Amino acid sequence: MRQGTLAMRSISSVVRGLCYERGISTSHKAPSHLTTNSIAIKTDSECYPREKKALRKDGRTGYKNKHGEEIVFRSFNPPPGYVFVPSGNAFITRRCRKQGQKLYALHRPWIKDRLGGLFVPEEVLRNAESDFNARGIKMDMNLSRAIDNAYPKIPSGDKKRLLALILSENSNSTGQSALDNLTMAAFSYVRDRYTSGRKWICEVKARQRVQKILASWREEDSSGEVGAD
């Protein structure tokens, strides 16, 4: 027993010696944050200060965004007759908001693009989709006309593929952006279709071939050497 007591005292003296060397006081209790299991939890407004600025408190309905839409989270149970419209289609989102009915904005604080979508009345979504489809038909006609004007000699097969490519890359857009990018889209299409996979063609020669084909489509040169399939 005496040997065990001496051993404990020896260990204690060694610990005190190590603490003394490191400048650690042994005369005080350990700080509370080292002995407790409590964890500081921040609210969303503390974790995301930019969101805190965007929100304004409404005593009756909770937080609202800058559009006046009540902000909700994943556990939200929408009212009867409401459907969810995911974010991603700017035209649909704008049309839903312009109809002036009560909307709910799904907030995702853990994701960079925190707007997950909107809960809107079914009628609002139907109207927005109808406008989107009508605008899309008009865009198809305008884009087809723009291709004819820019490349009057383009083969019909190439025109169909180019038109489909532009529409697929702008599936959520019905604005002017697709028309503005026609020249770039045509260059990319010709490059990928008529020079892609030909490793013997260097970058300079590939660009020259693309420009030659596009020139033939513009009636500037008739030696583009492309098919009319």
Protein backbone atom coordinates (compact mmCIF):
# COMPACT_ATOMS: atom_id res chain seq x y z
CA MET A 1 0.00 0.00 0.00
CA ARG A 2 2.80 2.35 0.90
CA GLN A 3 4.53 1.56 -2.39
CA GLY A 4 1.35 2.39 -4.32
CA THR A 5 1.00 5.72 -2.52
CA LEU A 6 4.60 6.60 -3.29
CA ALA A 7 4.06 5.69 -6.93
CA MET A 8 1.01 7.98 -7.17
CA ARG A 9 2.93 10.84 -5.57
CA SER A 10 5.78 10.25 -8.01
CA ILE A 11 3.39 10.43 -10.98
CA SER A 12 1.81 13.59 -9.61
CA SER A 13 5.20 15.23 -9.19
CA VAL A 14 6.13 14.32 -12.77
CA VAL A 15 2.87 15.83 -14.08
CA ARG A 16 3.44 19.02 -12.06
CA GLY A 17 6.99 19.19 -13.39
CA LEU A 18 5.80 18.92 -17.00
CA CYS A 19 3.16 21.56 -16.41
CA TYR A 20 5.76 23.85 -14.85
CA GLU A 21 8.05 23.45 -17.89
CA ARG A 22 5.20 24.38 -20.24
CA GLY A 23 3.99 27.27 -18.12
CA ILE A 24 0.67 25.58 -17.30
CA SER A 25 -0.84 26.43 -13.96
CA THR A 26 -2.04 23.52 -11.82
CA SER A 27 -3.67 25.67 -9.15
CA HIS A 28 -6.86 26.42 -11.13
CA LYS A 29 -9.69 24.33 -12.45
CA ALA A 30 -9.83 23.48 -16.12
CA PRO A 31 -11.80 25.97 -18.24
CA SER A 32 -15.46 25.13 -18.48
CA HIS A 33 -15.37 24.65 -22.27
CA LEU A 34 -12.93 21.76 -21.77
CA THR A 35 -15.13 19.89 -19.33
CA THR A 36 -18.57 20.38 -20.82
CA ASN A 37 -20.27 18.67 -23.74
CA SER A 38 -22.35 21.71 -24.67
CA ILE A 39 -22.09 22.95 -28.27
CA ALA A 40 -22.72 26.49 -29.43
CA ILE A 41 -25.39 26.47 -32.12
CA LYS A 42 -25.83 29.47 -34.40
CA THR A 43 -29.06 30.46 -35.97
CA ASP A 44 -29.41 30.72 -39.75
CA SER A 45 -29.25 34.49 -39.53
CA GLU A 46 -25.92 34.26 -37.70
CA CYS A 47 -24.44 31.72 -40.09
CA TYR A 48 -25.57 33.59 -43.21
CA PRO A 49 -25.33 37.36 -42.65
CA ARG A 50 -26.25 38.15 -46.26
CA GLU A 51 -29.50 36.27 -45.84
CA LYS A 52 -30.17 38.22 -42.67
CA LYS A 53 -30.09 41.45 -44.70
CA ALA A 54 -32.42 40.01 -47.33
CA LEU A 55 -35.04 38.99 -44.80
CA ARG A 56 -37.50 41.30 -43.15
CA LYS A 57 -39.56 40.33 -40.17
CA ASP A 58 -43.31 40.21 -40.55
CA GLY A 59 -45.08 39.74 -37.24
CA ARG A 60 -47.95 37.76 -38.79
CA THR A 61 -46.38 35.53 -41.44
CA GLY A 62 -42.71 35.27 -40.46
CA TYR A 63 -39.81 36.10 -42.75
CA LYS A 64 -40.22 37.35 -46.32
CA ASN A 65 -37.75 37.86 -49.13
CA LYS A 66 -37.35 40.97 -51.27
CA HIS A 67 -40.22 39.82 -53.52
CA GLY A 68 -42.62 39.71 -50.58
CA GLU A 69 -42.79 35.90 -50.63
CA GLU A 70 -42.98 34.05 -47.34
CA ILE A 71 -39.82 32.00 -46.78
CA VAL A 72 -40.37 28.34 -45.91
CA PHE A 73 -38.19 25.29 -45.38
CA ARG A 74 -38.30 21.57 -46.20
CA SER A 75 -40.85 20.76 -43.51
CA PHE A 76 -43.37 23.21 -45.02
CA ASN A 77 -46.79 21.80 -45.86
CA PRO A 78 -48.21 23.94 -48.70
CA PRO A 79 -51.87 24.97 -48.76
CA PRO A 80 -54.31 22.93 -50.88
CA GLY A 81 -54.06 23.70 -54.58
CA TYR A 82 -50.39 24.72 -54.45
CA VAL A 83 -47.66 23.00 -56.47
CA PHE A 84 -43.88 23.24 -56.33
CA VAL A 85 -41.96 24.97 -59.13
CA PRO A 86 -38.20 24.26 -58.86
CA SER A 87 -35.77 27.07 -59.59
CA GLY A 88 -33.80 26.99 -62.84
CA ASN A 89 -36.24 28.40 -65.39
CA ALA A 90 -36.02 32.16 -65.00
CA PHE A 91 -38.93 32.81 -67.38
CA ILE A 92 -41.35 30.53 -65.47
CA THR A 93 -40.27 32.04 -62.14
CA ARG A 94 -40.82 35.60 -63.41
CA ARG A 95 -44.23 34.74 -64.86
CA CYS A 96 -45.35 33.15 -61.61
CA ARG A 97 -44.32 36.22 -59.66
CA LYS A 98 -45.97 38.67 -62.05
CA GLN A 99 -49.43 37.19 -61.50
CA GLY A 100 -49.64 38.81 -58.08
CA GLN A 101 -50.81 35.83 -56.01
CA LYS A 102 -49.42 34.63 -52.70
CA LEU A 103 -46.28 32.54 -53.20
CA TYR A 104 -43.98 30.67 -50.85
CA ALA A 105 -40.21 30.56 -51.45
CA LEU A 106 -38.37 27.38 -50.45
CA HIS A 107 -35.16 28.39 -48.67
CA ARG A 108 -32.08 26.11 -48.60
CA PRO A 109 -29.46 27.76 -46.34
CA TRP A 110 -26.97 24.90 -46.86
CA ILE A 111 -26.72 25.44 -50.64
CA LYS A 112 -25.07 28.35 -52.44
CA ASP A 113 -28.13 29.02 -54.60
CA ARG A 114 -30.47 29.10 -51.63
CA LEU A 115 -33.75 29.51 -53.54
CA GLY A 116 -34.94 25.96 -54.11
CA GLY A 117 -38.12 27.01 -55.87
CA LEU A 118 -41.61 28.40 -55.33
CA PHE A 119 -44.89 26.99 -54.10
CA VAL A 120 -47.52 28.52 -56.39
CA PRO A 121 -51.22 27.95 -57.13
CA GLU A 122 -51.80 25.42 -59.91
CA GLU A 123 -53.50 28.03 -62.09
CA VAL A 124 -50.49 30.32 -61.80
CA LEU A 125 -48.19 27.55 -63.03
CA ARG A 126 -50.50 26.67 -65.94
CA ASN A 127 -50.55 30.30 -67.09
CA ALA A 128 -46.76 30.56 -66.82
CA GLU A 129 -46.23 27.34 -68.79
CA SER A 130 -48.67 28.49 -71.47
CA ASP A 131 -46.75 31.75 -71.87
CA PHE A 132 -43.45 29.84 -71.95
CA ASN A 133 -44.64 27.47 -74.69
CA ALA A 134 -46.03 30.31 -76.81
CA ARG A 135 -42.81 32.25 -76.41
CA GLY A 136 -40.82 29.12 -77.28
CA ILE A 137 -42.70 28.65 -80.57
CA LYS A 138 -42.01 32.25 -81.47
CA MET A 139 -38.35 31.79 -80.60
CA ASP A 140 -38.10 28.73 -82.88
CA MET A 141 -39.48 30.74 -85.78
CA ASN A 142 -37.21 33.71 -85.11
CA LEU A 143 -34.15 31.49 -84.76
CA SER A 144 -34.92 29.59 -87.97
CA ARG A 145 -35.32 32.89 -89.80
CA ALA A 146 -32.06 34.19 -88.31
CA ILE A 147 -30.18 31.11 -89.54
CA ASP A 148 -31.60 31.58 -93.05
CA ASN A 149 -30.55 35.22 -93.07
CA ALA A 150 -27.05 34.57 -91.75
CA TYR A 151 -26.37 31.38 -93.74
CA PRO A 152 -28.65 31.29 -96.80
CA LYS A 153 -26.72 28.36 -98.34
CA ILE A 154 -26.64 26.13 -95.27
CA PRO A 155 -27.70 22.54 -96.11
CA SER A 156 -31.07 21.56 -94.69
CA GLY A 157 -29.58 18.79 -92.56
CA ASP A 158 -27.05 21.14 -91.00
CA LYS A 159 -29.73 23.73 -90.36
CA LYS A 160 -31.91 21.23 -88.49
CA ARG A 161 -29.00 20.03 -86.37
CA LEU A 162 -27.79 23.56 -85.65
CA LEU A 163 -31.30 24.67 -84.69
CA ALA A 164 -31.74 21.67 -82.38
CA LEU A 165 -28.34 22.31 -80.79
CA ILE A 166 -29.09 25.95 -80.03
CA LEU A 167 -32.52 25.14 -78.62
CA SER A 168 -31.14 22.37 -76.40
CA GLU A 169 -28.49 24.69 -74.99
CA ASN A 170 -31.12 27.36 -74.30
CA SER A 171 -33.95 25.11 -73.13
CA ASN A 172 -34.82 27.43 -70.23
CA SER A 173 -34.53 30.64 -72.21
CA THR A 174 -36.91 32.35 -74.59
CA GLY A 175 -35.07 35.64 -74.81
CA GLN A 176 -32.58 37.29 -77.12
CA SER A 177 -29.53 35.40 -75.83
CA ALA A 178 -29.97 32.46 -78.23
CA LEU A 179 -30.11 34.79 -81.24
CA ASP A 180 -27.15 36.80 -80.02
CA ASN A 181 -25.02 33.64 -79.78
CA LEU A 182 -25.91 32.33 -83.24
CA THR A 183 -22.48 33.04 -84.76
CA MET A 184 -20.64 31.33 -81.93
CA ALA A 185 -23.03 28.39 -81.98
CA ALA A 186 -22.59 27.94 -85.73
CA PHE A 187 -18.80 28.00 -85.40
CA SER A 188 -18.88 25.42 -82.60
CA TYR A 189 -21.27 23.21 -84.55
CA VAL A 190 -19.13 23.17 -87.71
CA ARG A 191 -15.94 22.63 -85.71
CA ASP A 192 -17.35 19.67 -83.80
CA ARG A 193 -19.07 18.07 -86.79
CA TYR A 194 -16.48 18.57 -89.55
CA THR A 195 -13.14 18.65 -87.72
CA SER A 196 -13.70 16.74 -84.47
CA GLY A 197 -11.87 13.42 -84.26
CA ARG A 198 -9.43 14.29 -87.05
CA LYS A 199 -6.18 14.35 -85.08
CA TRP A 200 -4.15 15.14 -88.17
CA ILE A 201 -5.82 18.56 -88.40
CA CYS A 202 -4.00 21.10 -86.28
CA GLU A 203 -5.88 23.89 -84.55
CA VAL A 204 -5.01 26.47 -87.20
CA LYS A 205 -6.11 24.23 -90.06
CA ALA A 206 -9.29 23.29 -88.21
CA ARG A 207 -10.18 26.95 -87.75
CA GLN A 208 -9.48 27.65 -91.42
CA ARG A 209 -11.71 24.76 -92.47
CA VAL A 210 -14.53 25.97 -90.22
CA GLN A 211 -14.28 29.49 -91.61
CA LYS A 212 -14.27 28.12 -95.16
CA ILE A 213 -17.45 26.11 -94.55
CA LEU A 214 -19.22 29.04 -92.91
CA ALA A 215 -18.17 31.30 -95.78
CA SER A 216 -19.75 28.87 -98.25
CA TRP A 217 -22.96 28.95 -96.22
CA ARG A 218 -22.89 32.75 -96.39
CA GLU A 219 -22.45 32.59 -100.20
CA GLU A 220 -18.99 34.10 -99.88
CA ASP A 221 -17.36 30.95 -101.24
CA SER A 222 -18.83 27.91 -102.95
CA SER A 223 -16.08 25.41 -102.04
CA GLY A 224 -17.12 24.49 -98.52
CA GLU A 225 -17.16 20.77 -99.43
CA VAL A 226 -19.94 19.78 -97.03
CA GLY A 227 -22.89 17.56 -97.73
CA ALA A 228 -26.54 18.55 -97.88
CA ASP A 229 -27.80 15.60 -95.85
